[in-house]
Amino acid sequence: MILAAIVLFCLAVALGLYLVVLGVRHRRGSRMLAAVHAGLALLGLVLLGMQVFGGPVNFLFNSAALLFVLALSGGLVLLAVRIGTREHHAPPSMFGVSLHAAMGLLALLLLVLGYVRA
């Protein structure tokens, strides 16, 4: 189950990186890609949550889950800011995107470390 969550999070990272490239190079975003990015990450978080709440205690998995929830919150803030602006095709703040990405990547690193050590 953790391996499936890792794969889903890696796919979400790849889509997120592509969304950043779209935002920086072309100054536009894609709602459909953003929705797929969020869907993959949510599905991975559900799988991770099932492991955290149903399996043995693993500090790295728990820490990764907490960071993924914080990254999810940051993503929701980015979505809310984007919906609240008049220009829906404009990319969100790169500072917010950077914080969102840093939390997600650190969580993925902790998740992989927990999987390798288990």
N, C-alpha and C. Protein backbone atom coordinates (compact mmCIF):
# COMPACT_ATOMS: atom_id res chain seq x y z
N MET A 1 0.82 -1.19 0.00
CA MET A 1 0.00 0.00 0.00
C MET A 1 0.87 1.26 0.00
N ILE A 2 1.95 1.22 0.75
CA ILE A 2 2.85 2.38 0.79
C ILE A 2 3.52 2.57 -0.56
N LEU A 3 3.88 1.49 -1.21
CA LEU A 3 4.51 1.61 -2.53
C LEU A 3 3.55 2.26 -3.53
N ALA A 4 2.28 1.89 -3.47
CA ALA A 4 1.29 2.51 -4.35
C ALA A 4 1.16 4.00 -4.04
N ALA A 5 1.20 4.37 -2.76
CA ALA A 5 1.13 5.78 -2.38
C ALA A 5 2.36 6.53 -2.90
N ILE A 6 3.52 5.91 -2.82
CA ILE A 6 4.75 6.54 -3.32
C ILE A 6 4.64 6.79 -4.82
N VAL A 7 4.14 5.81 -5.55
CA VAL A 7 3.99 5.95 -7.01
C VAL A 7 3.01 7.08 -7.32
N LEU A 8 1.90 7.13 -6.61
CA LEU A 8 0.92 8.19 -6.85
C LEU A 8 1.49 9.57 -6.54
N PHE A 9 2.23 9.67 -5.45
CA PHE A 9 2.84 10.96 -5.11
C PHE A 9 3.91 11.35 -6.13
N CYS A 10 4.64 10.39 -6.66
CA CYS A 10 5.63 10.70 -7.70
C CYS A 10 4.96 11.21 -8.97
N LEU A 11 3.84 10.61 -9.32
CA LEU A 11 3.08 11.10 -10.48
C LEU A 11 2.55 12.51 -10.22
N ALA A 12 2.10 12.77 -8.99
CA ALA A 12 1.62 14.11 -8.63
C ALA A 12 2.76 15.12 -8.70
N VAL A 13 3.95 14.71 -8.28
CA VAL A 13 5.12 15.60 -8.36
C VAL A 13 5.44 15.92 -9.82
N ALA A 14 5.39 14.91 -10.69
CA ALA A 14 5.69 15.15 -12.10
C ALA A 14 4.68 16.12 -12.71
N LEU A 15 3.40 15.94 -12.40
CA LEU A 15 2.39 16.87 -12.91
C LEU A 15 2.56 18.26 -12.32
N GLY A 16 2.91 18.32 -11.04
CA GLY A 16 3.15 19.61 -10.41
C GLY A 16 4.31 20.35 -11.05
N LEU A 17 5.36 19.62 -11.37
CA LEU A 17 6.51 20.23 -12.04
C LEU A 17 6.10 20.76 -13.41
N TYR A 18 5.29 20.00 -14.12
CA TYR A 18 4.81 20.45 -15.43
C TYR A 18 3.93 21.70 -15.28
N LEU A 19 3.12 21.75 -14.23
CA LEU A 19 2.30 22.94 -13.99
C LEU A 19 3.17 24.16 -13.69
N VAL A 20 4.27 23.96 -12.97
CA VAL A 20 5.19 25.08 -12.70
C VAL A 20 5.82 25.56 -14.00
N VAL A 21 6.22 24.64 -14.87
CA VAL A 21 6.79 25.02 -16.16
C VAL A 21 5.77 25.80 -16.99
N LEU A 22 4.52 25.34 -16.99
CA LEU A 22 3.48 26.08 -17.70
C LEU A 22 3.33 27.49 -17.13
N GLY A 23 3.38 27.60 -15.82
CA GLY A 23 3.20 28.90 -15.18
C GLY A 23 4.35 29.85 -15.43
N VAL A 24 5.57 29.33 -15.40
CA VAL A 24 6.74 30.19 -15.55
C VAL A 24 7.00 30.52 -17.02
N ARG A 25 6.96 29.53 -17.87
CA ARG A 25 7.30 29.77 -19.28
C ARG A 25 6.17 30.39 -20.08
N HIS A 26 4.96 29.90 -19.86
CA HIS A 26 3.86 30.32 -20.72
C HIS A 26 2.86 31.24 -20.01
N ARG A 27 3.11 31.50 -18.72
CA ARG A 27 2.26 32.39 -17.92
C ARG A 27 0.79 31.98 -17.95
N ARG A 28 0.56 30.70 -17.91
CA ARG A 28 -0.82 30.21 -17.84
C ARG A 28 -0.82 28.89 -17.07
N GLY A 29 -1.99 28.45 -16.69
CA GLY A 29 -2.13 27.20 -15.98
C GLY A 29 -3.14 26.31 -16.69
N SER A 30 -3.33 25.14 -16.16
CA SER A 30 -4.30 24.20 -16.71
C SER A 30 -5.14 23.67 -15.56
N ARG A 31 -6.42 23.95 -15.60
CA ARG A 31 -7.30 23.49 -14.53
C ARG A 31 -7.40 21.97 -14.51
N MET A 32 -7.42 21.37 -15.68
CA MET A 32 -7.55 19.91 -15.73
C MET A 32 -6.30 19.24 -15.17
N LEU A 33 -5.12 19.72 -15.55
CA LEU A 33 -3.89 19.14 -15.00
C LEU A 33 -3.81 19.37 -13.50
N ALA A 34 -4.24 20.54 -13.05
CA ALA A 34 -4.23 20.82 -11.61
C ALA A 34 -5.18 19.88 -10.87
N ALA A 35 -6.33 19.58 -11.48
CA ALA A 35 -7.29 18.67 -10.85
C ALA A 35 -6.73 17.25 -10.80
N VAL A 36 -6.05 16.81 -11.85
CA VAL A 36 -5.44 15.48 -11.85
C VAL A 36 -4.31 15.42 -10.82
N HIS A 37 -3.51 16.49 -10.75
CA HIS A 37 -2.44 16.61 -9.76
C HIS A 37 -3.02 16.45 -8.35
N ALA A 38 -4.09 17.17 -8.06
CA ALA A 38 -4.71 17.11 -6.74
C ALA A 38 -5.34 15.74 -6.49
N GLY A 39 -5.96 15.17 -7.51
CA GLY A 39 -6.59 13.86 -7.36
C GLY A 39 -5.58 12.76 -7.05
N LEU A 40 -4.46 12.78 -7.76
CA LEU A 40 -3.42 11.78 -7.49
C LEU A 40 -2.87 11.93 -6.08
N ALA A 41 -2.64 13.18 -5.68
CA ALA A 41 -2.10 13.41 -4.34
C ALA A 41 -3.12 13.01 -3.26
N LEU A 42 -4.39 13.29 -3.48
CA LEU A 42 -5.41 12.90 -2.51
C LEU A 42 -5.54 11.39 -2.41
N LEU A 43 -5.48 10.71 -3.53
CA LEU A 43 -5.54 9.25 -3.51
C LEU A 43 -4.32 8.67 -2.78
N GLY A 44 -3.15 9.24 -3.03
CA GLY A 44 -1.96 8.81 -2.30
C GLY A 44 -2.08 9.07 -0.82
N LEU A 45 -2.68 10.21 -0.45
CA LEU A 45 -2.86 10.54 0.96
C LEU A 45 -3.86 9.60 1.62
N VAL A 46 -4.88 9.19 0.90
CA VAL A 46 -5.83 8.22 1.45
C VAL A 46 -5.14 6.88 1.71
N LEU A 47 -4.32 6.43 0.76
CA LEU A 47 -3.59 5.18 0.96
C LEU A 47 -2.62 5.29 2.14
N LEU A 48 -1.94 6.42 2.23
CA LEU A 48 -1.02 6.64 3.35
C LEU A 48 -1.79 6.69 4.67
N GLY A 49 -2.94 7.35 4.67
CA GLY A 49 -3.75 7.41 5.88
C GLY A 49 -4.23 6.04 6.33
N MET A 50 -4.58 5.19 5.37
CA MET A 50 -4.98 3.83 5.72
C MET A 50 -3.83 3.09 6.39
N GLN A 51 -2.63 3.29 5.93
CA GLN A 51 -1.47 2.65 6.53
C GLN A 51 -1.17 3.23 7.92
N VAL A 52 -1.25 4.55 8.03
CA VAL A 52 -0.94 5.21 9.30
C VAL A 52 -1.94 4.80 10.38
N PHE A 53 -3.23 4.80 10.03
CA PHE A 53 -4.25 4.51 11.04
C PHE A 53 -4.51 3.02 11.21
N GLY A 54 -4.12 2.21 10.25
CA GLY A 54 -4.41 0.78 10.35
C GLY A 54 -3.20 -0.10 10.59
N GLY A 55 -2.01 0.43 10.41
CA GLY A 55 -0.81 -0.38 10.54
C GLY A 55 -0.05 -0.04 11.81
N PRO A 56 1.13 -0.63 11.94
CA PRO A 56 1.96 -0.32 13.10
C PRO A 56 2.47 1.12 13.04
N VAL A 57 2.84 1.63 14.21
CA VAL A 57 3.31 3.01 14.30
C VAL A 57 4.67 3.13 13.62
N ASN A 58 4.78 4.07 12.73
CA ASN A 58 6.03 4.36 12.04
C ASN A 58 6.17 5.88 12.02
N PHE A 59 7.19 6.38 12.71
CA PHE A 59 7.38 7.82 12.86
C PHE A 59 7.54 8.52 11.51
N LEU A 60 8.26 7.90 10.59
CA LEU A 60 8.48 8.53 9.28
C LEU A 60 7.19 8.60 8.47
N PHE A 61 6.37 7.56 8.53
CA PHE A 61 5.08 7.60 7.83
C PHE A 61 4.17 8.66 8.43
N ASN A 62 4.17 8.74 9.77
CA ASN A 62 3.32 9.74 10.44
C ASN A 62 3.78 11.15 10.10
N SER A 63 5.08 11.37 10.09
CA SER A 63 5.61 12.70 9.76
C SER A 63 5.31 13.05 8.30
N ALA A 64 5.44 12.07 7.41
CA ALA A 64 5.13 12.30 6.00
C ALA A 64 3.65 12.63 5.83
N ALA A 65 2.79 11.92 6.55
CA ALA A 65 1.35 12.20 6.45
C ALA A 65 1.04 13.62 6.93
N LEU A 66 1.65 14.04 8.01
CA LEU A 66 1.43 15.40 8.51
C LEU A 66 1.89 16.44 7.49
N LEU A 67 3.06 16.23 6.91
CA LEU A 67 3.56 17.18 5.91
C LEU A 67 2.70 17.17 4.65
N PHE A 68 2.20 16.01 4.26
CA PHE A 68 1.30 15.96 3.10
C PHE A 68 0.00 16.71 3.37
N VAL A 69 -0.50 16.62 4.60
CA VAL A 69 -1.71 17.37 4.94
C VAL A 69 -1.43 18.86 4.90
N LEU A 70 -0.25 19.28 5.38
CA LEU A 70 0.12 20.70 5.30
C LEU A 70 0.28 21.14 3.84
N ALA A 71 0.87 20.29 3.01
CA ALA A 71 0.99 20.61 1.59
C ALA A 71 -0.39 20.69 0.93
N LEU A 72 -1.29 19.81 1.34
CA LEU A 72 -2.66 19.86 0.84
C LEU A 72 -3.32 21.18 1.22
N SER A 73 -3.11 21.61 2.46
CA SER A 73 -3.67 22.89 2.90
C SER A 73 -3.10 24.04 2.07
N GLY A 74 -1.81 23.99 1.80
CA GLY A 74 -1.19 25.02 0.96
C GLY A 74 -1.76 25.00 -0.44
N GLY A 75 -1.99 23.82 -0.98
CA GLY A 75 -2.59 23.71 -2.30
C GLY A 75 -4.01 24.26 -2.34
N LEU A 76 -4.76 24.04 -1.27
CA LEU A 76 -6.11 24.59 -1.21
C LEU A 76 -6.08 26.12 -1.13
N VAL A 77 -5.10 26.66 -0.41
CA VAL A 77 -4.95 28.12 -0.36
C VAL A 77 -4.61 28.66 -1.75
N LEU A 78 -3.70 27.99 -2.45
CA LEU A 78 -3.36 28.42 -3.81
C LEU A 78 -4.58 28.37 -4.72
N LEU A 79 -5.39 27.33 -4.58
CA LEU A 79 -6.60 27.23 -5.38
C LEU A 79 -7.58 28.35 -5.04
N ALA A 80 -7.74 28.63 -3.76
CA ALA A 80 -8.67 29.68 -3.35
C ALA A 80 -8.22 31.05 -3.86
N VAL A 81 -6.92 31.30 -3.81
CA VAL A 81 -6.40 32.58 -4.32
C VAL A 81 -6.61 32.66 -5.83
N ARG A 82 -6.40 31.56 -6.51
CA ARG A 82 -6.57 31.57 -7.97
C ARG A 82 -8.02 31.77 -8.36
N ILE A 83 -8.93 31.13 -7.63
CA ILE A 83 -10.35 31.30 -7.92
C ILE A 83 -10.80 32.72 -7.60
N GLY A 84 -10.22 33.31 -6.56
CA GLY A 84 -10.61 34.65 -6.15
C GLY A 84 -10.11 35.76 -7.05
N THR A 85 -9.15 35.49 -7.91
CA THR A 85 -8.63 36.53 -8.80
C THR A 85 -9.48 36.62 -10.04
N ARG A 86 -9.39 37.74 -10.71
CA ARG A 86 -10.17 37.94 -11.93
C ARG A 86 -9.58 37.15 -13.10
N GLU A 87 -8.28 37.04 -13.13
CA GLU A 87 -7.60 36.35 -14.24
C GLU A 87 -7.38 34.89 -13.84
N HIS A 88 -8.26 34.00 -14.27
CA HIS A 88 -8.19 32.60 -13.87
C HIS A 88 -7.07 31.84 -14.58
N HIS A 89 -6.55 32.38 -15.66
CA HIS A 89 -5.48 31.69 -16.38
C HIS A 89 -4.10 32.08 -15.88
N ALA A 90 -4.03 33.08 -15.02
CA ALA A 90 -2.73 33.51 -14.49
C ALA A 90 -2.24 32.49 -13.47
N PRO A 91 -0.93 32.24 -13.43
CA PRO A 91 -0.41 31.28 -12.46
C PRO A 91 -0.44 31.88 -11.05
N PRO A 92 -0.49 31.03 -10.03
CA PRO A 92 -0.48 31.54 -8.66
C PRO A 92 0.91 32.05 -8.27
N SER A 93 1.00 32.61 -7.09
CA SER A 93 2.27 33.13 -6.58
C SER A 93 3.32 32.03 -6.53
N MET A 94 4.50 32.31 -7.06
CA MET A 94 5.56 31.31 -7.06
C MET A 94 6.09 31.06 -5.65
N PHE A 95 5.95 32.03 -4.75
CA PHE A 95 6.35 31.79 -3.36
C PHE A 95 5.45 30.73 -2.73
N GLY A 96 4.16 30.86 -2.94
CA GLY A 96 3.22 29.87 -2.42
C GLY A 96 3.42 28.52 -3.05
N VAL A 97 3.66 28.51 -4.35
CA VAL A 97 3.91 27.25 -5.06
C VAL A 97 5.18 26.59 -4.52
N SER A 98 6.21 27.40 -4.25
CA SER A 98 7.47 26.86 -3.73
C SER A 98 7.29 26.23 -2.36
N LEU A 99 6.52 26.90 -1.48
CA LEU A 99 6.26 26.32 -0.16
C LEU A 99 5.47 25.02 -0.27
N HIS A 100 4.46 25.02 -1.12
CA HIS A 100 3.64 23.83 -1.36
C HIS A 100 4.52 22.68 -1.87
N ALA A 101 5.38 22.97 -2.82
CA ALA A 101 6.25 21.95 -3.40
C ALA A 101 7.29 21.46 -2.39
N ALA A 102 7.86 22.36 -1.61
CA ALA A 102 8.87 21.97 -0.63
C ALA A 102 8.28 21.03 0.42
N MET A 103 7.09 21.35 0.90
CA MET A 103 6.45 20.47 1.89
C MET A 103 6.14 19.11 1.27
N GLY A 104 5.63 19.11 0.05
CA GLY A 104 5.30 17.85 -0.60
C GLY A 104 6.53 16.99 -0.88
N LEU A 105 7.60 17.62 -1.34
CA LEU A 105 8.81 16.86 -1.64
C LEU A 105 9.47 16.33 -0.37
N LEU A 106 9.48 17.13 0.69
CA LEU A 106 10.03 16.66 1.96
C LEU A 106 9.20 15.49 2.50
N ALA A 107 7.89 15.58 2.37
CA ALA A 107 7.02 14.49 2.81
C ALA A 107 7.28 13.23 1.99
N LEU A 108 7.47 13.39 0.68
CA LEU A 108 7.76 12.24 -0.17
C LEU A 108 9.09 11.61 0.22
N LEU A 109 10.08 12.42 0.52
CA LEU A 109 11.37 11.90 0.95
C LEU A 109 11.22 11.11 2.25
N LEU A 110 10.47 11.64 3.22
CA LEU A 110 10.25 10.92 4.47
C LEU A 110 9.50 9.61 4.22
N LEU A 111 8.55 9.64 3.32
CA LEU A 111 7.78 8.44 3.00
C LEU A 111 8.69 7.36 2.38
N VAL A 112 9.54 7.75 1.47
CA VAL A 112 10.46 6.80 0.85
C VAL A 112 11.45 6.26 1.88
N LEU A 113 11.96 7.13 2.74
CA LEU A 113 12.87 6.67 3.79
C LEU A 113 12.18 5.68 4.72
N GLY A 114 10.95 5.96 5.08
CA GLY A 114 10.19 5.04 5.93
C GLY A 114 9.95 3.71 5.25
N TYR A 115 9.71 3.75 3.95
CA TYR A 115 9.47 2.51 3.20
C TYR A 115 10.75 1.68 3.09
N VAL A 116 11.87 2.35 2.88
CA VAL A 116 13.14 1.63 2.74
C VAL A 116 13.56 1.03 4.08
N ARG A 117 13.31 1.73 5.16
CA ARG A 117 13.70 1.24 6.48
C ARG A 117 12.76 0.17 7.03
N ALA A 118 11.54 0.12 6.54
CA ALA A 118 10.57 -0.84 7.10
C ALA A 118 10.82 -2.25 6.62
